Amino acid sequence: MSGFPSEPDESASLELVARIQGGDSRAWDELYRRYHDQLLFTVRMRLGSGLRSVLQSEDVFQSVALDALSALKRFEYRGPGSLERYLKQMVLNKIRDRAKAFGAAKRAGQLVGAEAAFDDLAAPRDAEVGYYEAAVYVRLERAIAGLPDEMREVLLLRRIEGLSSLEVAERLGKSDASVRQIASRAMARLATRMAES
């Protein structure tokens, strides 16, 4: 799908995972760099405007990276794409956990106490993002932000969460054919917006 950067070579990434599982800390640094931008992008796309106003994407990503370092020792290969799905699922789980904790603190009227838990409530929403390939990912963020809500959601469910068109259809209460059509139009519009920027 055009517009999205290519994903890291899985076989090389799996070799790094094997080295990490063998205790090679330098392999972790290499794997971290390989997936940094892609996972930071996932955080930024799925954090949502409410949480983005109170959390910095980099902080959520760093928390995921620490979890991943210990969890990779238990990672088991389950077929093509399983490492990427595993890492993205960790990101999505972390975001859900942060959202639940923030929501609970807000409902309990403990927003001031929540500030310590979320480190940077006063951080500006548009703080500079620390992508390695900033030119690519910042353009992609802007292009996706300019899509209509429905197109953006279908695109993110397909590309970020890795759901099939049928799974997206079930989640959104639409037909599979409708989701495929929306995804196709979204990718065409995304490609056009990327070419223009």
N, C-alpha and C. Protein backbone atom coordinates (compact mmCIF):
# COMPACT_ATOMS: atom_id res chain seq x y z
N MET A 1 0.85 -1.19 0.00
CA MET A 1 0.00 0.00 0.00
C MET A 1 0.89 1.24 0.00
N SER A 2 0.79 2.07 -1.02
CA SER A 2 1.65 3.23 -1.14
C SER A 2 1.34 4.25 -0.06
N GLY A 3 2.33 5.08 0.22
CA GLY A 3 2.17 6.10 1.25
C GLY A 3 2.79 5.69 2.56
N PHE A 4 2.77 4.42 2.90
CA PHE A 4 3.35 3.93 4.14
C PHE A 4 4.78 3.45 3.89
N PRO A 5 5.70 3.79 4.78
CA PRO A 5 7.08 3.29 4.62
C PRO A 5 7.10 1.76 4.68
N SER A 6 8.08 1.18 4.02
CA SER A 6 8.17 -0.28 4.04
C SER A 6 8.56 -0.74 5.45
N GLU A 7 8.11 -1.93 5.78
CA GLU A 7 8.37 -2.47 7.10
C GLU A 7 9.75 -3.11 7.14
N PRO A 8 10.38 -3.16 8.31
CA PRO A 8 11.71 -3.77 8.42
C PRO A 8 11.70 -5.23 7.95
N ASP A 9 12.80 -5.65 7.37
CA ASP A 9 12.94 -7.03 6.92
C ASP A 9 12.78 -7.97 8.12
N GLU A 10 11.78 -8.84 8.03
CA GLU A 10 11.44 -9.69 9.17
C GLU A 10 12.53 -10.69 9.50
N SER A 11 13.17 -11.28 8.50
CA SER A 11 14.17 -12.30 8.79
C SER A 11 15.34 -11.70 9.57
N ALA A 12 15.78 -10.49 9.20
CA ALA A 12 16.85 -9.82 9.94
C ALA A 12 16.39 -9.47 11.35
N SER A 13 15.13 -9.06 11.49
CA SER A 13 14.59 -8.72 12.81
C SER A 13 14.52 -9.96 13.70
N LEU A 14 14.14 -11.09 13.11
CA LEU A 14 14.05 -12.32 13.89
C LEU A 14 15.43 -12.79 14.35
N GLU A 15 16.44 -12.54 13.53
CA GLU A 15 17.82 -12.86 13.94
C GLU A 15 18.20 -12.01 15.15
N LEU A 16 17.80 -10.75 15.13
CA LEU A 16 18.07 -9.87 16.27
C LEU A 16 17.34 -10.36 17.52
N VAL A 17 16.09 -10.81 17.35
CA VAL A 17 15.33 -11.34 18.50
C VAL A 17 16.05 -12.55 19.08
N ALA A 18 16.55 -13.43 18.22
CA ALA A 18 17.27 -14.62 18.69
C ALA A 18 18.52 -14.20 19.47
N ARG A 19 19.20 -13.17 19.00
CA ARG A 19 20.38 -12.68 19.71
C ARG A 19 19.99 -12.06 21.06
N ILE A 20 18.87 -11.34 21.08
CA ILE A 20 18.39 -10.75 22.33
C ILE A 20 18.07 -11.86 23.32
N GLN A 21 17.39 -12.89 22.83
CA GLN A 21 17.03 -14.02 23.70
C GLN A 21 18.27 -14.74 24.21
N GLY A 22 19.39 -14.60 23.47
CA GLY A 22 20.66 -15.17 23.90
C GLY A 22 21.48 -14.24 24.79
N GLY A 23 20.93 -13.06 25.09
CA GLY A 23 21.59 -12.14 26.00
C GLY A 23 22.42 -11.03 25.35
N ASP A 24 22.31 -10.85 24.05
CA ASP A 24 23.08 -9.82 23.34
C ASP A 24 22.36 -8.48 23.42
N SER A 25 22.85 -7.58 24.27
CA SER A 25 22.18 -6.28 24.45
C SER A 25 22.36 -5.37 23.24
N ARG A 26 23.43 -5.55 22.47
CA ARG A 26 23.61 -4.73 21.28
C ARG A 26 22.53 -5.03 20.24
N ALA A 27 22.07 -6.28 20.23
CA ALA A 27 20.99 -6.65 19.30
C ALA A 27 19.72 -5.87 19.63
N TRP A 28 19.48 -5.62 20.93
CA TRP A 28 18.30 -4.85 21.32
C TRP A 28 18.37 -3.44 20.74
N ASP A 29 19.55 -2.82 20.81
CA ASP A 29 19.71 -1.47 20.26
C ASP A 29 19.39 -1.45 18.77
N GLU A 30 19.84 -2.46 18.05
CA GLU A 30 19.56 -2.54 16.61
C GLU A 30 18.07 -2.72 16.34
N LEU A 31 17.43 -3.62 17.09
CA LEU A 31 16.00 -3.86 16.89
C LEU A 31 15.19 -2.61 17.25
N TYR A 32 15.58 -1.96 18.32
CA TYR A 32 14.91 -0.73 18.74
C TYR A 32 14.94 0.29 17.61
N ARG A 33 16.10 0.48 17.01
CA ARG A 33 16.22 1.45 15.93
C ARG A 33 15.39 1.03 14.71
N ARG A 34 15.36 -0.26 14.40
CA ARG A 34 14.61 -0.75 13.24
C ARG A 34 13.12 -0.44 13.36
N TYR A 35 12.57 -0.56 14.56
CA TYR A 35 11.12 -0.41 14.75
C TYR A 35 10.71 0.91 15.39
N HIS A 36 11.67 1.73 15.75
CA HIS A 36 11.37 2.97 16.46
C HIS A 36 10.31 3.81 15.77
N ASP A 37 10.56 4.21 14.53
CA ASP A 37 9.64 5.12 13.84
C ASP A 37 8.27 4.49 13.63
N GLN A 38 8.27 3.23 13.23
CA GLN A 38 7.00 2.56 12.97
C GLN A 38 6.15 2.45 14.24
N LEU A 39 6.77 2.13 15.36
CA LEU A 39 6.01 1.99 16.61
C LEU A 39 5.64 3.35 17.20
N LEU A 40 6.53 4.33 17.06
CA LEU A 40 6.18 5.68 17.51
C LEU A 40 5.00 6.21 16.69
N PHE A 41 5.01 5.93 15.42
CA PHE A 41 3.89 6.31 14.55
C PHE A 41 2.60 5.64 15.02
N THR A 42 2.68 4.36 15.38
CA THR A 42 1.52 3.64 15.90
C THR A 42 0.99 4.32 17.16
N VAL A 43 1.90 4.69 18.06
CA VAL A 43 1.49 5.40 19.28
C VAL A 43 0.75 6.68 18.91
N ARG A 44 1.35 7.46 18.03
CA ARG A 44 0.76 8.77 17.69
C ARG A 44 -0.58 8.63 16.99
N MET A 45 -0.74 7.61 16.17
CA MET A 45 -2.00 7.43 15.46
C MET A 45 -3.10 6.88 16.35
N ARG A 46 -2.73 6.14 17.39
CA ARG A 46 -3.74 5.50 18.22
C ARG A 46 -3.91 6.13 19.59
N LEU A 47 -3.10 7.13 19.92
CA LEU A 47 -3.22 7.76 21.22
C LEU A 47 -4.51 8.55 21.32
N GLY A 48 -4.96 9.12 20.22
CA GLY A 48 -6.20 9.89 20.23
C GLY A 48 -5.95 11.30 20.76
N SER A 49 -6.79 12.23 20.34
CA SER A 49 -6.57 13.63 20.69
C SER A 49 -6.69 13.88 22.18
N GLY A 50 -7.58 13.17 22.86
CA GLY A 50 -7.73 13.36 24.30
C GLY A 50 -6.46 13.00 25.05
N LEU A 51 -5.93 11.82 24.79
CA LEU A 51 -4.70 11.41 25.47
C LEU A 51 -3.49 12.17 24.97
N ARG A 52 -3.50 12.56 23.70
CA ARG A 52 -2.35 13.31 23.18
C ARG A 52 -2.22 14.66 23.87
N SER A 53 -3.34 15.17 24.41
CA SER A 53 -3.26 16.45 25.10
C SER A 53 -2.65 16.31 26.49
N VAL A 54 -2.57 15.08 27.00
CA VAL A 54 -2.01 14.88 28.34
C VAL A 54 -0.81 13.94 28.38
N LEU A 55 -0.51 13.27 27.30
CA LEU A 55 0.62 12.35 27.26
C LEU A 55 1.51 12.67 26.06
N GLN A 56 2.80 12.52 26.24
CA GLN A 56 3.69 12.66 25.11
C GLN A 56 3.89 11.30 24.48
N SER A 57 3.81 11.26 23.17
CA SER A 57 3.94 10.01 22.43
C SER A 57 5.24 9.30 22.76
N GLU A 58 6.33 10.06 22.86
CA GLU A 58 7.64 9.47 23.15
C GLU A 58 7.64 8.76 24.49
N ASP A 59 6.94 9.30 25.49
CA ASP A 59 6.91 8.67 26.80
C ASP A 59 6.18 7.33 26.75
N VAL A 60 5.06 7.30 26.04
CA VAL A 60 4.33 6.04 25.88
C VAL A 60 5.21 5.04 25.13
N PHE A 61 5.86 5.51 24.07
CA PHE A 61 6.72 4.62 23.29
C PHE A 61 7.87 4.07 24.14
N GLN A 62 8.50 4.91 24.93
CA GLN A 62 9.62 4.45 25.77
C GLN A 62 9.15 3.40 26.77
N SER A 63 7.95 3.60 27.31
CA SER A 63 7.39 2.63 28.24
C SER A 63 7.16 1.29 27.54
N VAL A 64 6.66 1.35 26.30
CA VAL A 64 6.46 0.13 25.51
C VAL A 64 7.80 -0.54 25.23
N ALA A 65 8.80 0.27 24.90
CA ALA A 65 10.12 -0.29 24.59
C ALA A 65 10.69 -1.05 25.78
N LEU A 66 10.53 -0.50 26.98
CA LEU A 66 11.01 -1.20 28.18
C LEU A 66 10.28 -2.52 28.38
N ASP A 67 8.97 -2.50 28.18
CA ASP A 67 8.19 -3.74 28.30
C ASP A 67 8.64 -4.75 27.25
N ALA A 68 8.88 -4.27 26.05
CA ALA A 68 9.27 -5.15 24.95
C ALA A 68 10.61 -5.81 25.22
N LEU A 69 11.54 -5.09 25.81
CA LEU A 69 12.86 -5.64 26.08
C LEU A 69 12.77 -6.91 26.92
N SER A 70 11.96 -6.86 27.97
CA SER A 70 11.82 -8.05 28.80
C SER A 70 10.92 -9.09 28.15
N ALA A 71 9.89 -8.64 27.45
CA ALA A 71 8.93 -9.59 26.86
C ALA A 71 9.51 -10.35 25.67
N LEU A 72 10.45 -9.76 24.96
CA LEU A 72 11.01 -10.43 23.78
C LEU A 72 11.73 -11.72 24.14
N LYS A 73 12.13 -11.84 25.38
CA LYS A 73 12.77 -13.08 25.81
C LYS A 73 11.80 -14.25 25.73
N ARG A 74 10.51 -13.93 25.76
CA ARG A 74 9.47 -14.97 25.69
C ARG A 74 8.77 -15.03 24.33
N PHE A 75 9.17 -14.16 23.40
CA PHE A 75 8.52 -14.11 22.09
C PHE A 75 8.70 -15.43 21.35
N GLU A 76 7.61 -15.89 20.74
CA GLU A 76 7.66 -17.10 19.90
C GLU A 76 7.14 -16.74 18.51
N TYR A 77 7.91 -17.11 17.51
CA TYR A 77 7.53 -16.85 16.13
C TYR A 77 6.28 -17.66 15.77
N ARG A 78 5.29 -17.00 15.18
CA ARG A 78 4.03 -17.67 14.82
C ARG A 78 3.67 -17.43 13.37
N GLY A 79 4.66 -17.23 12.54
CA GLY A 79 4.40 -17.03 11.12
C GLY A 79 4.74 -15.62 10.67
N PRO A 80 4.69 -15.40 9.36
CA PRO A 80 5.04 -14.09 8.81
C PRO A 80 4.25 -12.95 9.45
N GLY A 81 4.97 -11.91 9.82
CA GLY A 81 4.32 -10.73 10.41
C GLY A 81 4.09 -10.82 11.91
N SER A 82 4.43 -11.96 12.53
CA SER A 82 4.09 -12.13 13.95
C SER A 82 4.89 -11.20 14.85
N LEU A 83 6.15 -10.89 14.51
CA LEU A 83 6.92 -9.98 15.35
C LEU A 83 6.32 -8.57 15.32
N GLU A 84 6.01 -8.10 14.14
CA GLU A 84 5.42 -6.76 14.02
C GLU A 84 4.07 -6.70 14.74
N ARG A 85 3.24 -7.72 14.55
CA ARG A 85 1.94 -7.75 15.25
C ARG A 85 2.14 -7.75 16.77
N TYR A 86 3.11 -8.52 17.22
CA TYR A 86 3.42 -8.61 18.65
C TYR A 86 3.81 -7.24 19.20
N LEU A 87 4.70 -6.54 18.51
CA LEU A 87 5.16 -5.23 18.97
C LEU A 87 4.03 -4.20 18.92
N LYS A 88 3.26 -4.21 17.83
CA LYS A 88 2.15 -3.25 17.73
C LYS A 88 1.09 -3.53 18.79
N GLN A 89 0.85 -4.81 19.11
CA GLN A 89 -0.14 -5.14 20.13
C GLN A 89 0.32 -4.62 21.49
N MET A 90 1.62 -4.67 21.75
CA MET A 90 2.15 -4.11 23.00
C MET A 90 1.86 -2.61 23.07
N VAL A 91 2.03 -1.92 21.95
CA VAL A 91 1.74 -0.48 21.88
C VAL A 91 0.27 -0.24 22.18
N LEU A 92 -0.61 -0.96 21.50
CA LEU A 92 -2.04 -0.76 21.67
C LEU A 92 -2.48 -1.08 23.10
N ASN A 93 -1.91 -2.13 23.69
CA ASN A 93 -2.23 -2.48 25.08
C ASN A 93 -1.79 -1.38 26.04
N LYS A 94 -0.61 -0.82 25.80
CA LYS A 94 -0.09 0.24 26.67
C LYS A 94 -1.00 1.47 26.59
N ILE A 95 -1.43 1.80 25.39
CA ILE A 95 -2.32 2.95 25.22
C ILE A 95 -3.64 2.71 25.95
N ARG A 96 -4.19 1.51 25.81
CA ARG A 96 -5.44 1.19 26.51
C ARG A 96 -5.27 1.30 28.02
N ASP A 97 -4.13 0.78 28.53
CA ASP A 97 -3.88 0.85 29.97
C ASP A 97 -3.78 2.29 30.44
N ARG A 98 -3.07 3.12 29.68
CA ARG A 98 -2.92 4.54 30.05
C ARG A 98 -4.28 5.24 30.00
N ALA A 99 -5.08 4.93 28.98
CA ALA A 99 -6.39 5.56 28.85
C ALA A 99 -7.29 5.17 30.03
N LYS A 100 -7.26 3.89 30.41
CA LYS A 100 -8.09 3.45 31.55
C LYS A 100 -7.65 4.13 32.84
N ALA A 101 -6.34 4.20 33.07
CA ALA A 101 -5.83 4.82 34.29
C ALA A 101 -6.17 6.30 34.33
N PHE A 102 -6.01 6.97 33.20
CA PHE A 102 -6.31 8.40 33.16
C PHE A 102 -7.80 8.64 33.36
N GLY A 103 -8.62 7.82 32.69
CA GLY A 103 -10.08 7.95 32.84
C GLY A 103 -10.52 7.73 34.27
N ALA A 104 -9.94 6.72 34.93
CA ALA A 104 -10.29 6.43 36.32
C ALA A 104 -9.90 7.60 37.23
N ALA A 105 -8.71 8.15 37.01
CA ALA A 105 -8.26 9.28 37.83
C ALA A 105 -9.15 10.50 37.60
N LYS A 106 -9.54 10.72 36.37
CA LYS A 106 -10.39 11.87 36.04
C LYS A 106 -11.77 11.72 36.69
N ARG A 107 -12.35 10.49 36.60
CA ARG A 107 -13.66 10.25 37.20
C ARG A 107 -13.63 10.39 38.72
N ALA A 108 -12.50 10.03 39.31
CA ALA A 108 -12.38 10.10 40.77
C ALA A 108 -12.02 11.50 41.24
N GLY A 109 -11.88 12.43 40.28
CA GLY A 109 -11.53 13.79 40.65
C GLY A 109 -10.09 13.93 41.11
N GLN A 110 -9.27 12.99 40.68
CA GLN A 110 -7.87 12.99 41.10
C GLN A 110 -6.94 13.39 39.97
N LEU A 111 -7.39 14.29 39.16
CA LEU A 111 -6.60 14.69 38.00
C LEU A 111 -5.25 15.25 38.41
N VAL A 112 -5.19 15.99 39.53
CA VAL A 112 -3.91 16.52 39.98
C VAL A 112 -2.98 15.38 40.35
N GLY A 113 -3.50 14.37 41.04
CA GLY A 113 -2.69 13.20 41.37
C GLY A 113 -2.30 12.43 40.14
N ALA A 114 -3.12 12.50 39.12
CA ALA A 114 -2.82 11.78 37.89
C ALA A 114 -1.64 12.41 37.16
N GLU A 115 -1.38 13.69 37.44
CA GLU A 115 -0.28 14.36 36.73
C GLU A 115 1.03 13.64 36.96
N ALA A 116 1.27 13.18 38.18
CA ALA A 116 2.51 12.47 38.45
C ALA A 116 2.58 11.17 37.68
N ALA A 117 1.44 10.51 37.56
CA ALA A 117 1.41 9.23 36.85
C ALA A 117 1.63 9.40 35.36
N PHE A 118 1.25 10.56 34.83
CA PHE A 118 1.36 10.76 33.39
C PHE A 118 2.50 11.69 33.02
N ASP A 119 3.34 12.04 33.99
CA ASP A 119 4.59 12.76 33.78
C ASP A 119 4.47 14.16 33.20
N ASP A 120 3.67 14.35 32.17
CA ASP A 120 3.78 15.58 31.39
C ASP A 120 2.44 16.13 30.94
N LEU A 121 1.52 16.29 31.86
CA LEU A 121 0.21 16.79 31.49
C LEU A 121 0.28 18.15 30.82
N ALA A 122 1.28 18.93 31.16
CA ALA A 122 1.36 20.28 30.60
C ALA A 122 2.11 20.32 29.28
N ALA A 123 2.54 19.16 28.78
CA ALA A 123 3.33 19.13 27.54
C ALA A 123 2.49 19.62 26.38
N PRO A 124 3.07 20.43 25.50
CA PRO A 124 2.32 20.89 24.35
C PRO A 124 1.97 19.73 23.43
N ARG A 125 0.78 19.77 22.88
CA ARG A 125 0.30 18.69 22.03
C ARG A 125 1.15 18.53 20.78
N ASP A 126 1.65 19.64 20.24
CA ASP A 126 2.41 19.59 19.01
C ASP A 126 3.91 19.60 19.25
N ALA A 127 4.35 19.09 20.41
CA ALA A 127 5.78 19.04 20.68
C ALA A 127 6.48 18.27 19.56
N GLU A 128 7.71 18.65 19.28
CA GLU A 128 8.45 18.01 18.19
C GLU A 128 8.53 16.51 18.43
N VAL A 129 8.28 15.76 17.39
CA VAL A 129 8.27 14.30 17.48
C VAL A 129 9.65 13.78 17.11
N GLY A 130 10.13 12.80 17.85
CA GLY A 130 11.48 12.29 17.66
C GLY A 130 11.62 11.14 16.69
N TYR A 131 11.06 11.25 15.50
CA TYR A 131 11.26 10.23 14.48
C TYR A 131 12.69 10.28 13.96
N TYR A 132 13.25 9.15 13.61
CA TYR A 132 14.54 9.13 12.90
C TYR A 132 14.33 9.64 11.47
N GLU A 133 13.26 9.18 10.85
CA GLU A 133 12.93 9.62 9.48
C GLU A 133 11.74 10.58 9.55
N ALA A 134 11.99 11.72 10.17
CA ALA A 134 10.92 12.68 10.42
C ALA A 134 10.22 13.14 9.15
N ALA A 135 10.97 13.37 8.09
CA ALA A 135 10.36 13.87 6.85
C ALA A 135 9.28 12.92 6.35
N VAL A 136 9.53 11.63 6.45
CA VAL A 136 8.57 10.64 5.96
C VAL A 136 7.35 10.56 6.88
N TYR A 137 7.60 10.39 8.17
CA TYR A 137 6.50 10.13 9.09
C TYR A 137 5.66 11.37 9.41
N VAL A 138 6.28 12.53 9.46
CA VAL A 138 5.49 13.75 9.70
C VAL A 138 4.58 14.00 8.51
N ARG A 139 5.07 13.80 7.29
CA ARG A 139 4.23 13.94 6.09
C ARG A 139 3.08 12.94 6.14
N LEU A 140 3.38 11.71 6.53
CA LEU A 140 2.35 10.68 6.60
C LEU A 140 1.29 11.04 7.64
N GLU A 141 1.73 11.53 8.79
CA GLU A 141 0.77 11.95 9.83
C GLU A 141 -0.16 13.03 9.29
N ARG A 142 0.42 14.02 8.64
CA ARG A 142 -0.40 15.12 8.11
C ARG A 142 -1.38 14.62 7.05
N ALA A 143 -0.90 13.75 6.18
CA ALA A 143 -1.77 13.23 5.12
C ALA A 143 -2.93 12.43 5.71
N ILE A 144 -2.66 11.62 6.72
CA ILE A 144 -3.72 10.82 7.35
C ILE A 144 -4.68 11.73 8.10
N ALA A 145 -4.15 12.76 8.77
CA ALA A 145 -5.01 13.68 9.52
C ALA A 145 -5.99 14.40 8.59
N GLY A 146 -5.64 14.56 7.32
CA GLY A 146 -6.51 15.25 6.37
C GLY A 146 -7.57 14.37 5.75
N LEU A 147 -7.57 13.09 6.06
CA LEU A 147 -8.59 12.18 5.53
C LEU A 147 -9.89 12.34 6.31
N PRO A 148 -11.03 12.08 5.67
CA PRO A 148 -12.30 12.05 6.42
C PRO A 148 -12.22 10.98 7.52
N ASP A 149 -12.97 11.19 8.61
CA ASP A 149 -12.90 10.31 9.77
C ASP A 149 -13.05 8.84 9.43
N GLU A 150 -14.05 8.51 8.63
CA GLU A 150 -14.31 7.11 8.31
C GLU A 150 -13.13 6.48 7.55
N MET A 151 -12.60 7.20 6.58
CA MET A 151 -11.45 6.70 5.83
C MET A 151 -10.25 6.51 6.74
N ARG A 152 -10.02 7.50 7.59
CA ARG A 152 -8.87 7.43 8.50
C ARG A 152 -8.99 6.22 9.42
N GLU A 153 -10.18 5.99 9.99
CA GLU A 153 -10.36 4.88 10.91
C GLU A 153 -10.16 3.53 10.21
N VAL A 154 -10.73 3.38 9.03
CA VAL A 154 -10.56 2.12 8.29
C VAL A 154 -9.09 1.90 7.97
N LEU A 155 -8.43 2.94 7.52
CA LEU A 155 -7.01 2.84 7.18
C LEU A 155 -6.18 2.44 8.39
N LEU A 156 -6.44 3.06 9.53
CA LEU A 156 -5.66 2.75 10.73
C LEU A 156 -5.96 1.35 11.27
N LEU A 157 -7.21 0.94 11.20
CA LEU A 157 -7.54 -0.42 11.63
C LEU A 157 -6.84 -1.46 10.75
N ARG A 158 -6.78 -1.17 9.47
CA ARG A 158 -6.12 -2.11 8.54
C ARG A 158 -4.60 -2.07 8.68
N ARG A 159 -4.02 -0.86 8.65
CA ARG A 159 -2.57 -0.73 8.61
C ARG A 159 -1.90 -0.76 9.97
N ILE A 160 -2.52 -0.17 10.97
CA ILE A 160 -1.89 -0.11 12.29
C ILE A 160 -2.24 -1.33 13.12
N GLU A 161 -3.52 -1.66 13.16
CA GLU A 161 -3.94 -2.79 13.99
C GLU A 161 -3.87 -4.11 13.24
N GLY A 162 -3.68 -4.04 11.93
CA GLY A 162 -3.50 -5.26 11.15
C GLY A 162 -4.75 -6.11 11.00
N LEU A 163 -5.92 -5.49 11.12
CA LEU A 163 -7.16 -6.25 11.00
C LEU A 163 -7.48 -6.53 9.53
N SER A 164 -8.13 -7.63 9.28
CA SER A 164 -8.60 -7.93 7.93
C SER A 164 -9.79 -7.03 7.62
N SER A 165 -10.15 -6.94 6.36
CA SER A 165 -11.31 -6.11 6.01
C SER A 165 -12.58 -6.65 6.66
N LEU A 166 -12.67 -7.95 6.80
CA LEU A 166 -13.84 -8.56 7.45
C LEU A 166 -13.88 -8.17 8.94
N GLU A 167 -12.72 -8.19 9.61
CA GLU A 167 -12.67 -7.81 11.02
C GLU A 167 -13.02 -6.32 11.20
N VAL A 168 -12.54 -5.49 10.28
CA VAL A 168 -12.88 -4.06 10.33
C VAL A 168 -14.38 -3.88 10.13
N ALA A 169 -14.94 -4.63 9.17
CA ALA A 169 -16.37 -4.54 8.89
C ALA A 169 -17.18 -4.89 10.14
N GLU A 170 -16.78 -5.95 10.83
CA GLU A 170 -17.49 -6.36 12.05
C GLU A 170 -17.38 -5.28 13.12
N ARG A 171 -16.20 -4.72 13.28
CA ARG A 171 -16.00 -3.70 14.31
C ARG A 171 -16.80 -2.44 14.03
N LEU A 172 -16.90 -2.06 12.75
CA LEU A 172 -17.58 -0.82 12.39
C LEU A 172 -19.04 -1.00 12.00
N GLY A 173 -19.51 -2.26 11.96
CA GLY A 173 -20.90 -2.52 11.60
C GLY A 173 -21.17 -2.24 10.13
N LYS A 174 -20.22 -2.56 9.28
CA LYS A 174 -20.36 -2.35 7.84
C LYS A 174 -20.16 -3.67 7.12
N SER A 175 -20.44 -3.67 5.84
CA SER A 175 -20.18 -4.88 5.05
C SER A 175 -18.71 -4.94 4.68
N ASP A 176 -18.23 -6.14 4.40
CA ASP A 176 -16.84 -6.32 3.98
C ASP A 176 -16.58 -5.54 2.70
N ALA A 177 -17.52 -5.58 1.76
CA ALA A 177 -17.36 -4.87 0.48
C ALA A 177 -17.24 -3.37 0.71
N SER A 178 -18.04 -2.84 1.64
CA SER A 178 -17.99 -1.42 1.94
C SER A 178 -16.63 -1.03 2.53
N VAL A 179 -16.13 -1.84 3.44
CA VAL A 179 -14.83 -1.57 4.06
C VAL A 179 -13.73 -1.60 3.01
N ARG A 180 -13.78 -2.59 2.11
CA ARG A 180 -12.76 -2.68 1.05
C ARG A 180 -12.80 -1.43 0.16
N GLN A 181 -14.00 -0.96 -0.14
CA GLN A 181 -14.13 0.22 -0.98
C GLN A 181 -13.59 1.47 -0.26
N ILE A 182 -13.93 1.59 1.02
CA ILE A 182 -13.45 2.74 1.80
C ILE A 182 -11.92 2.69 1.90
N ALA A 183 -11.37 1.51 2.15
CA ALA A 183 -9.91 1.36 2.26
C ALA A 183 -9.22 1.73 0.95
N SER A 184 -9.80 1.30 -0.14
CA SER A 184 -9.22 1.60 -1.46
C SER A 184 -9.23 3.11 -1.72
N ARG A 185 -10.35 3.75 -1.44
CA ARG A 185 -10.45 5.20 -1.63
C ARG A 185 -9.50 5.94 -0.69
N ALA A 186 -9.38 5.44 0.54
CA ALA A 186 -8.50 6.07 1.52
C ALA A 186 -7.04 6.00 1.06
N MET A 187 -6.63 4.85 0.54
CA MET A 187 -5.25 4.70 0.08
C MET A 187 -4.98 5.59 -1.13
N ALA A 188 -5.96 5.69 -2.02
CA ALA A 188 -5.79 6.55 -3.20
C ALA A 188 -5.66 8.01 -2.76
N ARG A 189 -6.51 8.42 -1.84
CA ARG A 189 -6.46 9.81 -1.37
C ARG A 189 -5.17 10.06 -0.60
N LEU A 190 -4.74 9.08 0.19
CA LEU A 190 -3.49 9.21 0.96
C LEU A 190 -2.31 9.37 0.00
N ALA A 191 -2.26 8.54 -1.03
CA ALA A 191 -1.18 8.63 -2.02
C ALA A 191 -1.15 10.00 -2.68
N THR A 192 -2.30 10.54 -3.01
CA THR A 192 -2.39 11.85 -3.62
C THR A 192 -1.89 12.92 -2.67
N ARG A 193 -2.33 12.86 -1.41
CA ARG A 193 -1.92 13.85 -0.41
C ARG A 193 -0.42 13.77 -0.15
N MET A 194 0.13 12.55 -0.13
CA MET A 194 1.57 12.38 0.09
C MET A 194 2.36 12.96 -1.10
N ALA A 195 1.85 12.76 -2.30
CA ALA A 195 2.53 13.28 -3.49
C ALA A 195 2.51 14.81 -3.52
N GLU A 196 1.47 15.40 -2.97
CA GLU A 196 1.33 16.85 -2.97
C GLU A 196 2.18 17.53 -1.90
N SER A 197 2.50 16.79 -0.86
CA SER A 197 3.24 17.44 0.25
C SER A 197 4.74 17.38 0.08
